[in-house]
């Protein structure tokens, strides 16, 4: 179960890392540390469990019960092998034992336990120790502190190691508690390994998908963008722009705007609170999410500055940008943004003189080493006007 939690935590962390890159600002900020904490904590427990696997979980009561039931034996330590693990600076060792029970034939077993540095002299090969038999097959044993020079151990002879065959080993991942062998809910041995891998993979994927599920638009855009060699969608492409504008108008509640700026990764819209009102808010579309940034720093002078987004042809504007780039010998449109608003009214006799109440125009420009080239086109991509500046 701890391993399952590890893969859940790892899936959460990876999912949060992905949505932090492809999702809106703030995505995954809480989930990532939670997933990492779960993965790290469960990973530590897994390492501890792996290091202590095979150690008998015998309490004082278990040893007393074994003595009263005659489930004791005399054991000879044949070999001591360090596992390479230290717990509280004490080595974890595998002890190969030749065991002669008080009743029954002799056999070999292997026990893993923490050997305190001060106890090392007492577990050298050839040493005799009393052990309690914790399982019916004798594979689980626990070393006791009984005096082996006294009854019932005195006079017991243990056959040579070569006569006893291979050591009996407990089932991997099991622990014998009160005479009953118990294993984890999810096994650790070769049996069922394929099914476990499938289970862990499913847990990892489900955890990651659950983190990404609140951002379906961003995920869908990323899937499409990956085919184009990008991690996130280019919001200037007509299909993506249309979807973003639809999301913006749905959130704003109407399609009237004062201005709209379309970049690769973000779309900014200044829109009136209600059509005809000069109270204007700034809205942002980024990675599938629409957010309101609050009132615009500069409020329009009149409602005449507003226009409908239905007047704009996004496919034709994209074509106009590409045609202009080709004309200028520019290979990449990276960093080029598009801005639409009404031009300033230059009629000195007009009541809206000086206000952005003229025709709607779209502007974009290309920066060069020595000068910038500006393009001004109609919202349907026609009537291009080219100027240069420094």
Protein backbone atom coordinates (compact mmCIF):
# COMPACT_ATOMS: atom_id res chain seq x y z
CA UNK A 1 0.00 0.00 0.00
CA UNK A 2 2.89 2.35 0.72
CA UNK A 3 4.25 1.73 -2.77
CA UNK A 4 0.85 2.62 -4.19
CA UNK A 5 0.93 5.90 -2.26
CA UNK A 6 4.40 6.56 -3.66
CA UNK A 7 3.16 6.29 -7.24
CA UNK A 8 0.10 8.40 -6.43
CA UNK A 9 2.35 11.11 -4.99
CA UNK A 10 4.75 10.90 -7.93
CA UNK A 11 1.82 11.16 -10.36
CA UNK A 12 0.46 14.19 -8.51
CA UNK A 13 3.85 15.90 -8.56
CA UNK A 14 4.44 15.23 -12.25
CA UNK A 15 0.90 16.27 -13.13
CA UNK A 16 1.35 19.51 -11.18
CA UNK A 17 4.68 20.14 -12.91
CA UNK A 18 3.04 19.66 -16.31
CA UNK A 19 0.07 21.94 -15.61
CA UNK A 20 2.39 24.59 -14.21
CA UNK A 21 3.95 24.71 -17.68
CA UNK A 22 0.86 24.35 -19.85
CA UNK A 23 -1.87 25.66 -17.56
CA UNK A 24 -2.80 29.14 -16.34
CA UNK A 25 -0.68 31.00 -13.78
CA UNK A 26 -0.81 29.35 -10.37
CA UNK A 27 -1.77 25.91 -11.70
CA UNK A 28 -0.19 23.13 -9.65
CA UNK A 29 1.25 25.43 -6.98
CA UNK A 30 -0.43 23.53 -4.13
CA UNK A 31 -0.56 20.06 -5.68
CA UNK A 32 3.17 19.88 -6.49
CA UNK A 33 4.45 20.18 -2.89
CA UNK A 34 1.69 17.86 -1.66
CA UNK A 35 2.61 15.23 -4.24
CA UNK A 36 6.32 15.59 -3.52
CA UNK A 37 5.74 15.30 0.23
CA UNK A 38 3.65 12.15 -0.26
CA UNK A 39 6.20 10.61 -2.63
CA UNK A 40 9.19 11.46 -0.42
CA UNK A 41 7.55 10.29 2.81
CA UNK A 42 6.29 7.03 1.31
CA UNK A 43 9.63 6.54 -0.48
CA UNK A 44 11.46 6.76 2.84
CA UNK A 45 9.09 4.21 4.35
CA UNK A 46 9.66 1.92 1.36
CA UNK A 47 13.43 2.12 1.83
CA UNK A 48 13.08 1.38 5.54
CA UNK A 49 10.75 -1.54 4.83
CA UNK A 50 13.15 -2.90 2.22
CA UNK A 51 16.09 -2.61 4.61
CA UNK A 52 14.23 -4.36 7.43
CA UNK A 53 12.50 -6.97 5.26
CA UNK A 54 12.86 -10.38 6.84
CA UNK A 55 13.41 -9.07 10.36
CA UNK A 56 11.26 -10.99 12.86
CA UNK A 57 8.64 -8.90 14.62
CA UNK A 58 8.81 -10.79 17.89
CA UNK A 59 7.76 -9.11 21.12
CA UNK A 60 8.65 -10.20 24.65
CA UNK A 61 5.22 -11.80 24.88
CA UNK A 62 5.89 -13.79 21.69
CA UNK A 63 9.16 -15.09 23.15
CA UNK A 64 7.47 -16.02 26.44
CA UNK A 65 4.73 -17.86 24.55
CA UNK A 66 7.32 -19.75 22.49
CA UNK A 67 9.10 -20.82 25.69
CA UNK A 68 5.89 -21.99 27.34
CA UNK A 69 4.86 -23.94 24.22
CA UNK A 70 8.30 -25.51 23.75
CA UNK A 71 8.92 -23.74 20.41
CA UNK A 72 12.54 -23.05 21.23
CA UNK A 73 15.73 -24.27 19.59
CA UNK A 74 19.48 -24.08 19.81
CA UNK A 75 21.08 -22.33 16.84
CA UNK A 76 24.64 -22.11 15.62
CA UNK A 77 25.65 -19.01 13.70
CA UNK A 78 27.36 -20.20 10.52
CA UNK A 79 27.85 -16.89 8.72
CA UNK A 80 27.25 -13.18 9.22
CA UNK A 81 26.71 -10.97 6.17
CA UNK A 82 26.23 -7.22 6.27
CA UNK A 83 23.46 -5.95 4.00
CA UNK A 84 25.11 -2.55 3.63
CA UNK A 85 22.27 -0.80 5.46
CA UNK A 86 22.77 1.13 8.67
CA UNK A 87 19.90 2.07 10.96
CA UNK A 88 20.88 4.56 13.64
CA UNK A 89 24.49 3.76 12.73
CA UNK A 90 23.95 0.09 13.57
CA UNK A 91 24.50 -2.49 10.77
CA UNK A 92 21.70 -4.65 9.42
CA UNK A 93 23.03 -8.19 9.01
CA UNK A 94 21.86 -11.54 7.64
CA UNK A 95 22.66 -14.41 10.01
CA UNK A 96 22.86 -17.93 8.55
CA UNK A 97 21.82 -20.36 11.26
CA UNK A 98 21.91 -24.11 11.76
CA UNK A 99 18.99 -24.85 14.08
CA UNK A 100 18.21 -27.86 16.26
CA UNK A 101 14.69 -27.55 17.74
CA UNK A 102 13.89 -29.09 21.11
CA UNK A 103 11.65 -31.45 19.13
CA UNK A 104 12.08 -32.36 15.48
CA UNK A 105 14.89 -32.50 12.92
CA UNK A 106 17.58 -29.90 12.48
CA UNK A 107 17.50 -27.46 9.58
CA UNK A 108 18.99 -24.22 8.34
CA UNK A 109 17.43 -20.75 8.33
CA UNK A 110 18.41 -17.17 7.72
CA UNK A 111 17.39 -14.25 9.91
CA UNK A 112 17.92 -10.55 9.30
CA UNK A 113 18.32 -8.22 12.22
CA UNK A 114 20.00 -5.08 13.43
CA UNK A 115 23.21 -6.02 15.20
CA UNK A 116 24.35 -3.45 17.70
CA UNK A 117 28.05 -2.76 17.52
CA UNK A 118 28.47 -3.90 21.12
CA UNK A 119 26.75 -7.22 20.27
CA UNK A 120 28.98 -8.10 17.32
CA UNK A 121 31.25 -10.42 19.38
CA UNK A 122 28.18 -12.48 20.29
CA UNK A 123 27.14 -13.18 16.71
CA UNK A 124 30.41 -14.43 15.29
CA UNK A 125 30.40 -17.68 13.26
CA UNK A 126 30.40 -20.66 15.61
CA UNK A 127 28.49 -18.86 18.36
CA UNK A 128 25.52 -20.66 19.90
CA UNK A 129 22.27 -18.80 20.55
CA UNK A 130 18.79 -19.71 21.64
CA UNK A 131 16.06 -18.95 19.11
CA UNK A 132 12.27 -18.92 19.20
CA UNK A 133 10.40 -20.60 16.36
CA UNK A 134 7.74 -18.12 15.24
CA UNK A 135 6.18 -20.07 12.38
CA UNK A 136 5.12 -23.65 11.84
CA UNK A 137 7.69 -24.23 9.09
CA UNK A 138 10.51 -22.81 11.20
CA UNK A 139 11.53 -20.25 8.60
CA UNK A 140 10.75 -17.35 10.95
CA UNK A 141 12.94 -17.31 14.02
CA UNK A 142 13.92 -14.73 16.60
CA UNK A 143 17.11 -14.76 18.64
CA UNK A 144 16.49 -14.91 22.37
CA UNK A 145 18.79 -14.09 25.29
CA UNK A 146 18.42 -17.47 27.00
CA UNK A 147 21.51 -19.05 28.57
CA UNK A 148 22.42 -21.88 26.19
CA UNK A 149 24.54 -23.60 28.85
CA UNK A 150 21.43 -24.33 30.89
CA UNK A 151 18.41 -26.54 30.30
CA UNK A 152 16.76 -27.15 27.93
CA UNK A 153 19.66 -26.30 25.60
CA UNK A 154 22.54 -27.97 27.41
CA UNK A 155 23.72 -31.14 25.68
CA UNK A 156 21.96 -30.46 22.37
CA UNK A 157 24.10 -31.32 19.36
CA UNK A 158 23.66 -29.41 16.09
CA UNK A 159 24.59 -31.38 12.93
CA UNK A 160 27.18 -29.92 10.54
CA UNK A 161 25.91 -27.28 8.13
CA UNK A 162 26.62 -29.46 5.09
CA UNK A 163 24.10 -32.07 6.29
CA UNK A 164 21.17 -29.67 6.57
CA UNK A 165 20.59 -28.56 2.99
CA UNK A 166 19.45 -25.14 1.88
CA UNK A 167 18.15 -22.65 4.45
CA UNK A 168 14.44 -22.18 4.89
CA UNK A 169 13.43 -18.66 3.94
CA UNK A 170 10.21 -16.87 4.86
CA UNK A 171 7.91 -15.73 2.09
CA UNK A 172 9.12 -12.34 0.79
CA UNK A 173 7.42 -9.37 2.39
CA UNK A 174 5.70 -11.38 5.13
CA UNK A 175 5.93 -10.86 8.87
CA UNK A 176 5.00 -13.45 11.46
CA UNK A 177 2.91 -11.96 14.26
CA UNK A 178 1.62 -14.15 17.07
CA UNK A 179 2.38 -17.27 15.08
CA UNK A 180 0.55 -16.12 11.96
CA UNK A 181 2.37 -15.08 8.80
CA UNK A 182 1.00 -11.87 7.37
CA UNK A 183 1.99 -10.06 4.19
CA UNK A 184 1.21 -6.67 2.72
CA UNK A 185 -2.01 -6.05 0.80
CA UNK A 186 0.12 -5.78 -2.34
CA UNK A 187 2.76 -8.50 -2.49
CA UNK A 188 6.48 -8.06 -3.13
CA UNK A 189 7.55 -11.42 -4.56
CA UNK A 190 7.78 -12.57 -8.19
CA UNK A 191 4.18 -13.80 -8.08
CA UNK A 192 1.86 -11.14 -9.43
CA UNK A 193 4.67 -8.76 -10.35
CA UNK A 194 3.14 -7.91 -13.73
CA UNK A 195 -0.23 -7.09 -12.18
CA UNK A 196 1.48 -4.89 -9.60
CA UNK A 197 3.32 -2.95 -12.30
CA UNK A 198 0.01 -2.37 -14.08
CA UNK A 199 -1.62 -1.23 -10.83
CA UNK A 200 1.21 1.18 -10.03
CA UNK A 201 1.19 2.56 -13.58
CA UNK A 202 -2.57 3.10 -13.44
CA UNK A 203 -2.27 4.83 -10.05
CA UNK A 204 0.48 7.08 -11.42
CA UNK A 205 -1.50 8.00 -14.54
CA UNK A 206 -4.80 8.52 -12.71
CA UNK A 207 -3.14 10.77 -10.12
CA UNK A 208 -1.48 12.83 -12.83
CA UNK A 209 -4.68 13.03 -14.88
CA UNK A 210 -6.69 14.14 -11.85
CA UNK A 211 -4.34 17.09 -11.42
CA UNK A 212 -4.66 18.06 -15.08
CA UNK A 213 -8.43 17.48 -15.30
CA UNK A 214 -9.40 21.00 -14.08
CA UNK A 215 -7.62 22.43 -17.15
CA UNK A 216 -9.13 20.52 -20.11
CA UNK A 217 -8.73 23.39 -22.57
CA UNK A 218 -5.04 23.86 -21.78
CA UNK A 219 -4.43 20.12 -22.07
CA UNK A 220 -6.27 19.90 -25.39
CA UNK A 221 -4.36 22.89 -26.75
CA UNK A 222 -1.06 21.35 -25.66
CA UNK A 223 -1.87 18.03 -27.33
CA UNK A 224 -2.49 19.90 -30.58
CA UNK A 225 0.56 22.14 -30.13
CA UNK A 226 2.89 19.18 -29.57
CA UNK A 227 2.25 18.12 -33.14
CA UNK A 228 3.57 21.53 -34.21
CA UNK A 229 6.67 21.32 -32.04
CA UNK A 230 5.31 23.62 -29.33
CA UNK A 231 4.42 23.03 -25.70
CA UNK A 232 1.53 25.52 -25.65
CA UNK A 233 -0.84 26.73 -28.34
CA UNK A 234 -0.06 29.78 -30.48
CA UNK A 235 -3.03 32.01 -29.69
CA UNK A 236 -2.58 33.93 -32.95
CA UNK A 237 -3.59 30.95 -35.06
CA UNK A 238 -7.18 31.52 -36.27
CA UNK A 239 -8.79 28.41 -34.78
CA UNK A 240 -7.21 28.98 -31.38
CA UNK A 241 -7.95 32.72 -31.48
CA UNK A 242 -11.61 32.06 -32.25
CA UNK A 243 -11.91 29.63 -29.33
CA UNK A 244 -10.18 32.10 -27.00
CA UNK A 245 -12.41 34.99 -28.13
CA UNK A 246 -15.49 32.81 -27.59
CA UNK A 247 -14.31 32.03 -24.05
CA UNK A 248 -13.64 35.72 -23.39
CA UNK A 249 -17.01 36.92 -24.65
CA UNK A 250 -18.78 34.22 -22.63
CA UNK A 251 -16.99 35.35 -19.49
CA UNK A 252 -17.37 39.08 -20.18
CA UNK A 253 -21.01 38.70 -21.13
CA UNK A 254 -20.90 40.53 -24.49
CA UNK A 255 -18.65 41.06 -27.51
CA UNK A 256 -18.03 44.81 -27.26
CA UNK A 257 -14.40 45.80 -26.63
CA UNK A 258 -12.23 48.91 -26.63
CA UNK A 259 -9.12 47.01 -27.69
CA UNK A 260 -7.78 43.49 -28.03
CA UNK A 261 -4.13 42.40 -28.16
CA UNK A 262 -3.31 38.91 -29.38
CA UNK A 263 0.11 37.41 -28.65
CA UNK A 264 1.55 33.92 -28.82
CA UNK A 265 0.75 33.08 -25.21
CA UNK A 266 -1.76 35.66 -23.99
CA UNK A 267 -4.74 37.69 -25.20
CA UNK A 268 -5.56 40.97 -23.45
CA UNK A 269 -8.96 42.60 -23.84
CA UNK A 270 -10.19 45.96 -22.59
CA UNK A 271 -13.98 45.61 -22.48
CA UNK A 272 -16.77 47.75 -20.99
CA UNK A 273 -18.58 46.40 -17.96
CA UNK A 274 -21.75 46.63 -20.06
CA UNK A 275 -22.13 47.66 -23.71
CA UNK A 276 -22.23 51.44 -23.97
CA UNK A 277 -20.62 52.02 -20.57
CA UNK A 278 -17.25 53.74 -20.31
CA UNK A 279 -16.38 51.73 -17.19
CA UNK A 280 -13.85 49.33 -18.64
CA UNK A 281 -12.14 46.21 -17.26
CA UNK A 282 -9.09 44.36 -18.48
CA UNK A 283 -9.49 40.67 -19.20
CA UNK A 284 -6.80 38.09 -19.86
CA UNK A 285 -6.88 34.76 -21.66
CA UNK A 286 -3.89 32.55 -20.97
CA UNK A 287 -3.56 28.78 -21.42
CA UNK A 288 -7.26 28.06 -21.54
CA UNK A 289 -8.34 30.25 -18.63
CA UNK A 290 -10.06 33.67 -18.59
CA UNK A 291 -9.30 36.03 -15.71
CA UNK A 292 -10.39 39.56 -14.88
CA UNK A 293 -7.47 41.82 -13.99
CA UNK A 294 -9.65 44.72 -12.80
CA UNK A 295 -10.25 48.22 -14.19
CA UNK A 296 -7.97 49.32 -17.01
CA UNK A 297 -5.30 51.88 -16.07
CA UNK A 298 -6.71 54.29 -18.65
CA UNK A 299 -10.48 54.52 -19.02
CA UNK A 300 -11.96 55.46 -22.45
CA UNK A 301 -13.48 58.90 -22.96
CA UNK A 302 -16.65 57.68 -24.64
CA UNK A 303 -18.52 54.58 -25.75
CA UNK A 304 -17.66 55.52 -29.34
CA UNK A 305 -14.28 53.83 -28.83
CA UNK A 306 -15.96 50.40 -28.57
CA UNK A 307 -16.40 47.91 -31.41
CA UNK A 308 -17.74 44.40 -31.84
CA UNK A 309 -15.42 41.42 -32.13
CA UNK A 310 -17.74 40.09 -34.81
CA UNK A 311 -16.17 42.68 -37.12
CA UNK A 312 -12.84 40.86 -36.99
CA UNK A 313 -11.77 38.07 -39.35
CA UNK A 314 -9.07 36.19 -37.51
CA UNK A 315 -8.14 33.87 -40.42
CA UNK A 316 -7.60 36.83 -42.75
CA UNK A 317 -5.58 38.76 -40.18
CA UNK A 318 -3.33 35.72 -39.68
CA UNK A 319 -2.89 35.48 -43.44
CA UNK A 320 -2.06 39.20 -43.60
CA UNK A 321 0.62 38.77 -40.91
CA UNK A 322 2.17 35.85 -42.76
CA UNK A 323 2.11 37.73 -46.07
CA UNK A 324 3.76 40.76 -44.47
CA UNK A 325 6.44 38.57 -42.90
CA UNK A 326 7.15 36.96 -46.27
CA UNK A 327 7.40 40.39 -47.90
CA UNK A 328 9.91 41.50 -45.27
CA UNK A 329 11.94 38.27 -45.52
CA UNK A 330 11.09 37.26 -41.97
CA UNK A 331 11.07 33.51 -41.32
CA UNK A 332 9.56 33.47 -37.84
CA UNK A 333 6.58 35.30 -36.35
CA UNK A 334 7.79 34.59 -32.84
CA UNK A 335 7.21 37.59 -30.61
CA UNK A 336 4.95 39.40 -33.10
CA UNK A 337 1.69 40.55 -31.50
CA UNK A 338 -1.51 41.87 -33.05
CA UNK A 339 -3.51 44.77 -31.59
CA UNK A 340 -6.93 46.01 -32.70
CA UNK A 341 -8.61 49.26 -31.70
CA UNK A 342 -10.24 52.25 -33.32
CA UNK A 343 -7.88 54.90 -34.69
CA UNK A 344 -7.99 58.41 -33.30
CA UNK A 345 -10.63 60.72 -34.78
CA UNK A 346 -8.75 63.48 -36.63
CA UNK A 347 -11.83 65.53 -37.58
CA UNK A 348 -11.47 68.75 -35.61
CA UNK A 349 -15.20 69.41 -36.04
CA UNK A 350 -16.20 66.02 -34.66
CA UNK A 351 -17.45 65.75 -31.06
CA UNK A 352 -15.10 62.77 -30.67
CA UNK A 353 -12.03 64.59 -31.97
CA UNK A 354 -8.86 63.12 -30.47
CA UNK A 355 -10.68 60.05 -29.19
CA UNK A 356 -10.21 56.53 -30.56
CA UNK A 357 -13.50 56.72 -32.39
CA UNK A 358 -12.33 56.22 -35.99
CA UNK A 359 -12.32 53.01 -38.04
CA UNK A 360 -11.16 49.76 -36.45
CA UNK A 361 -7.61 48.89 -37.50
CA UNK A 362 -5.24 46.05 -36.69
CA UNK A 363 -1.57 46.78 -36.10
CA UNK A 364 1.51 44.59 -35.89
CA UNK A 365 5.19 45.21 -36.43
CA UNK A 366 8.52 43.53 -36.98
CA UNK A 367 11.63 44.68 -35.12
CA UNK A 368 14.88 44.74 -37.13
CA UNK A 369 18.49 45.50 -36.29
CA UNK A 370 18.28 49.08 -37.54
CA UNK A 371 14.58 49.86 -37.85
CA UNK A 372 11.09 48.55 -37.18
CA UNK A 373 8.45 47.96 -39.84
CA UNK A 374 4.84 48.69 -38.90
CA UNK A 375 1.75 47.33 -40.62
CA UNK A 376 -1.75 48.72 -40.28
CA UNK A 377 -4.59 46.66 -41.81
CA UNK A 378 -8.37 46.54 -41.76
CA UNK A 379 -10.02 44.02 -39.39
CA UNK A 380 -10.65 41.74 -42.36
CA UNK A 381 -6.94 41.73 -43.27
CA UNK A 382 -7.27 44.05 -46.29
CA UNK A 383 -5.96 47.55 -46.99
CA UNK A 384 -2.43 47.09 -45.57
CA UNK A 385 -0.43 50.24 -44.84
CA UNK A 386 3.32 49.88 -44.26
CA UNK A 387 5.51 52.37 -42.40
CA UNK A 388 9.04 52.31 -41.03
CA UNK A 389 10.41 53.68 -37.81
CA UNK A 390 13.56 53.65 -35.74
